[in-house]
Protein backbone atom coordinates (compact mmCIF):
# COMPACT_ATOMS: atom_id res chain seq x y z
CA MET A 1 76.35 94.62 121.70
CA PRO A 2 75.01 96.42 124.78
CA SER A 3 74.80 100.19 124.67
CA ASN A 4 76.31 102.23 127.49
CA ASP A 5 75.59 105.54 125.81
CA VAL A 6 71.84 105.91 125.47
CA ARG A 7 69.96 109.18 125.41
CA GLU A 8 68.06 109.83 128.61
CA GLY A 9 64.32 109.54 128.07
CA ARG A 10 64.49 107.25 125.06
CA SER A 11 61.21 105.40 124.66
CA ASP A 12 61.19 101.61 124.83
CA ASP A 13 58.78 101.41 121.89
CA GLU A 14 61.14 103.11 119.44
CA ALA A 15 62.28 101.00 116.50
CA ASP A 16 65.37 98.86 117.04
CA PRO A 17 68.50 100.37 115.45
CA GLY A 18 69.18 98.70 112.10
CA SER A 19 65.64 97.38 111.67
CA ALA A 20 63.61 98.11 108.54
CA LEU A 21 61.27 100.40 110.51
CA TRP A 22 64.22 102.29 112.00
CA TRP A 23 65.73 102.91 108.55
CA ALA A 24 62.35 104.00 107.18
CA GLU A 25 61.90 106.47 110.02
CA ARG A 26 65.45 107.80 109.54
CA ALA A 27 64.90 108.28 105.80
CA SER A 28 61.76 110.30 106.53
CA THR A 29 63.55 112.43 109.12
CA GLU A 30 66.64 113.00 106.97
CA SER A 31 64.51 114.15 104.04
CA ARG A 32 63.18 117.00 106.20
CA ARG A 33 66.56 118.19 107.49
CA ARG A 34 68.06 121.41 106.19
CA PRO A 35 71.61 121.31 107.56
CA ARG A 36 73.63 124.53 107.61
CA PRO A 37 76.84 124.59 105.52
CA GLY A 38 79.64 123.38 107.78
CA GLY A 39 77.16 122.38 110.49
CA LEU A 40 76.41 118.99 111.96
CA SER A 41 75.07 116.26 109.71
CA THR A 42 74.70 112.50 109.86
CA GLU A 43 77.53 112.18 107.35
CA ARG A 44 79.93 114.23 109.50
CA ILE A 45 78.96 112.25 112.60
CA VAL A 46 79.62 108.91 110.87
CA ASP A 47 82.98 110.15 109.56
CA ALA A 48 84.02 111.22 113.07
CA ALA A 49 82.85 107.89 114.49
CA LEU A 50 84.98 106.05 111.94
CA ASP A 51 88.00 108.09 113.03
CA VAL A 52 87.39 107.03 116.64
CA LEU A 53 87.08 103.38 115.61
CA ARG A 54 90.23 103.34 113.51
CA GLU A 55 92.35 105.18 116.05
CA ASP A 56 91.08 103.89 119.39
CA GLY A 57 88.94 100.80 118.74
CA VAL A 58 85.31 99.93 119.31
CA GLU A 59 85.49 100.25 123.11
CA ALA A 60 86.21 103.96 122.71
CA LEU A 61 83.19 104.50 120.45
CA THR A 62 80.65 106.57 122.39
CA VAL A 63 78.40 109.45 121.46
CA ARG A 64 80.38 111.62 123.88
CA GLU A 65 83.71 110.79 122.21
CA VAL A 66 82.31 111.42 118.73
CA ALA A 67 80.89 114.76 119.90
CA ALA A 68 84.31 115.70 121.27
CA ARG A 69 85.88 114.92 117.89
CA LEU A 70 83.40 117.31 116.31
CA GLY A 71 83.99 120.02 118.91
CA THR A 72 80.46 119.93 120.27
CA ARG A 73 78.39 118.36 123.04
CA SER A 74 76.58 115.03 123.09
CA ALA A 75 73.24 116.83 123.23
CA SER A 76 73.88 118.29 119.79
CA LEU A 77 74.43 114.80 118.31
CA TYR A 78 71.23 113.47 119.82
CA ARG A 79 69.30 115.45 117.20
CA TYR A 80 70.77 112.98 114.68
CA ILE A 81 71.36 109.77 116.65
CA ALA A 82 69.75 108.48 119.81
CA SER A 83 72.35 105.98 121.02
CA ARG A 84 75.61 104.18 120.43
CA ASP A 85 73.67 101.31 118.84
CA GLU A 86 72.25 103.69 116.26
CA LEU A 87 75.76 104.93 115.56
CA ILE A 88 76.96 101.37 114.98
CA ALA A 89 74.03 100.67 112.62
CA LEU A 90 74.92 103.74 110.58
CA ILE A 91 78.59 102.78 110.45
CA ALA A 92 77.84 99.18 109.45
CA ASP A 93 75.79 100.33 106.49
CA HIS A 94 78.23 103.12 105.58
CA VAL A 95 81.02 100.56 105.24
CA MET A 96 78.89 98.51 102.83
CA GLY A 97 78.88 101.54 100.55
CA GLU A 98 82.55 100.80 99.79
CA ILE A 99 81.56 97.66 97.86
CA ARG A 100 82.09 98.24 94.16
CA ILE A 101 79.43 96.79 91.89
CA VAL A 102 80.82 96.36 88.40
CA SER A 103 79.87 94.53 85.26
CA THR A 104 82.62 92.20 84.09
CA GLY A 105 81.07 91.72 80.67
CA HIS A 106 81.29 87.95 81.13
CA GLY A 107 77.80 87.09 82.34
CA TRP A 108 75.97 86.62 85.62
CA ARG A 109 78.43 84.09 87.03
CA ALA A 110 81.48 86.31 86.67
CA ASP A 111 79.54 89.34 87.94
CA LEU A 112 78.23 87.54 91.03
CA GLY A 113 81.67 86.09 91.78
CA ALA A 114 83.19 89.57 91.53
CA LEU A 115 80.50 90.93 93.88
CA MET A 116 81.28 88.23 96.44
CA GLN A 117 84.98 89.04 96.28
CA GLU A 118 84.19 92.72 96.79
CA MET A 119 81.96 91.96 99.77
CA ARG A 120 84.71 89.91 101.36
CA ARG A 121 87.30 92.63 100.76
CA VAL A 122 85.19 95.24 102.52
CA MET A 123 84.11 92.95 105.36
CA LEU A 124 87.73 92.02 106.09
CA SER A 125 88.88 95.62 106.19
CA GLN A 126 86.01 97.27 108.05
CA PRO A 127 86.80 98.77 111.49
CA LEU A 128 83.79 97.29 113.28
CA PRO A 129 84.27 93.88 114.90
CA SER A 130 82.33 91.08 113.22
CA SER A 131 80.03 90.71 116.23
CA ALA A 132 78.85 94.32 115.93
CA GLY A 133 77.94 93.93 112.27
CA ARG A 134 76.02 90.71 112.94
CA ASN A 135 73.82 92.48 115.48
CA MET A 136 72.54 94.94 112.88
CA SER A 137 69.94 93.84 110.35
CA GLY A 138 70.80 94.61 106.73
CA TYR A 139 68.18 97.19 105.78
CA GLY A 140 70.35 100.26 105.24
CA PRO A 141 70.50 101.80 101.75
CA ASN A 142 74.05 100.63 101.03
CA THR A 143 73.33 97.08 102.15
CA LEU A 144 70.08 96.96 100.17
CA ARG A 145 72.02 98.16 97.12
CA VAL A 146 74.25 95.08 97.34
CA ILE A 147 71.32 92.72 97.90
CA ASP A 148 69.38 94.25 95.02
CA SER A 149 72.37 93.82 92.70
CA ALA A 150 72.67 90.13 93.57
CA LEU A 151 68.94 89.55 93.16
CA ARG A 152 68.95 91.28 89.79
CA LEU A 153 71.84 89.17 88.51
CA LEU A 154 70.10 85.97 89.53
CA LEU A 155 66.70 86.98 88.20
CA ASP A 156 68.21 88.05 84.88
CA ALA A 157 70.02 84.70 84.73
CA GLY A 158 66.64 82.97 84.79
CA LEU A 159 66.15 81.90 88.42
CA GLU A 160 62.70 81.87 89.92
CA PRO A 161 62.20 84.74 92.42
CA SER A 162 62.05 82.39 95.41
CA TYR A 163 65.29 80.63 94.51
CA ALA A 164 66.98 83.94 93.71
CA ALA A 165 66.04 85.08 97.22
CA TYR A 166 67.41 81.89 98.82
CA ALA A 167 70.60 82.10 96.80
CA THR A 168 71.15 85.75 97.74
CA SER A 169 70.61 85.04 101.43
CA SER A 170 73.00 82.08 101.24
CA MET A 171 75.57 84.24 99.46
CA ILE A 172 75.48 86.84 102.24
CA GLN A 173 75.81 84.20 104.94
CA PHE A 174 78.69 82.52 103.13
CA VAL A 175 80.68 85.72 102.59
CA ALA A 176 79.98 87.15 106.04
CA GLY A 177 80.79 83.83 107.70
CA ALA A 178 84.02 83.41 105.76
CA ALA A 179 85.13 86.95 106.58
CA GLY A 180 84.18 86.58 110.24
CA ILE A 181 86.15 83.33 110.61
CA GLN A 182 89.18 84.79 108.84
CA ARG A 183 89.15 87.79 111.19
CA SER A 184 89.04 85.51 114.23
CA ASP A 185 91.99 83.96 116.03
CA VAL A 186 91.25 80.54 114.52
CA GLY A 187 90.78 81.54 110.90
CA ARG A 188 92.96 80.78 107.91
CA ASP A 189 95.56 83.13 106.47
CA ALA A 190 98.09 83.16 103.64
CA GLN A 191 99.83 80.13 105.17
CA GLY A 192 96.74 78.00 105.69
CA ALA A 193 94.88 76.94 108.82
CA SER A 194 96.00 78.64 112.01
CA ARG A 195 97.48 76.84 115.04
CA SER A 196 98.13 73.68 113.01
CA ASP A 197 101.65 73.00 114.26
CA GLY A 198 101.89 69.42 115.41
CA PHE A 199 99.12 68.15 113.16
CA THR A 200 101.34 65.35 111.80
CA LEU A 201 101.90 64.15 115.35
CA LEU A 202 98.19 64.42 116.06
CA LEU A 203 97.30 62.56 112.89
CA GLY A 204 99.64 59.73 113.76
CA GLY A 205 97.66 59.04 116.90
CA LEU A 206 94.21 59.09 115.31
CA ASP A 207 92.14 55.96 114.91
CA LEU A 208 92.40 54.96 111.23
CA GLU A 209 88.88 53.53 111.31
CA ARG A 210 87.40 56.85 112.44
CA PHE A 211 89.66 59.36 110.69
CA GLY A 212 90.73 57.64 107.51
CA ALA A 213 89.73 60.55 105.28
CA PHE A 214 92.00 62.87 107.22
CA ARG A 215 94.92 60.58 106.44
CA VAL A 216 94.16 61.03 102.74
CA ALA A 217 93.32 64.73 102.56
CA GLY A 218 94.20 66.18 105.96
CA HIS A 219 97.36 68.00 104.89
CA GLU A 220 95.60 69.57 101.90
CA TYR A 221 92.82 70.67 104.23
CA LEU A 222 95.28 72.45 106.50
CA ALA A 223 97.46 73.92 103.76
CA ALA A 224 94.60 75.61 101.88
CA THR A 225 94.92 79.38 102.26
CA ALA A 226 92.04 81.70 103.11
CA ASP A 227 92.05 83.15 99.59
CA ASP A 228 92.01 79.72 97.95
CA VAL A 229 89.26 78.41 100.19
CA PHE A 230 87.11 81.43 99.45
CA SER A 231 87.72 81.31 95.70
CA HIS A 232 86.90 77.61 95.52
CA GLY A 233 83.88 78.20 97.75
CA ILE A 234 82.59 80.75 95.26
CA GLU A 235 82.93 78.23 92.42
CA ILE A 236 81.10 75.53 94.41
CA PHE A 237 78.35 78.03 95.27
CA LEU A 238 77.99 79.21 91.67
CA ASP A 239 77.95 75.62 90.37
CA GLY A 240 74.95 74.98 92.57
CA ILE A 241 73.12 78.02 91.24
CA ALA A 242 73.95 77.12 87.62
CA CYS A 243 72.20 73.78 88.07
CA ARG A 244 68.95 75.63 88.83
CA ILE A 245 68.97 77.89 85.79
CA PRO A 246 66.70 76.64 82.99
CA GLU A 247 68.51 75.80 79.77
């Protein structure tokens, strides 16, 4: 997402917002801050930015608007953030902090399935559009917390480190992709696939030689709800992992 709210004089060689280097530099800077009680802080800035997003949408999200919400000037915020893109990176990771990581008491499979459901819940409800989240690499502390939890579950289950890494990456892509599609205009909902009116008429005109499988399972494909597709997808995903765990 292009930034229209960039601090004047920003150097081109600064780390990209959301990158591992950017988060490392922020952690070092934040550790040296001594904010005054009631004064500006990264946490207050992110909270104000979330208010802007929820009330007015992503197009209204600018450093100037967030500063106005806090009763200050943009220049004061630039001590904490350098651009709108940095603000979006902070928000994207902040939202991931809402993911609850719990132990079900029923083993790695139940725990990982519960984590995937939690990730989907948060990704569906977050105020940022899916495109904004995709543009930010997942190196923030809240995102790393989720990744570390998944890796630990898989390693403790007996997977080799390399396969645990592949499985965790695939898990993130599956959940993020499913949530992004559901949030789009062509995703599924509680009634099934969207914009499917007239499918029976369409099916009747299809070449049986080319689309025979649709004649057998097409209606089930369309009727499957977003929740059911995701739940079954989790089971298919976990079945694949289970096959790789040594007995």
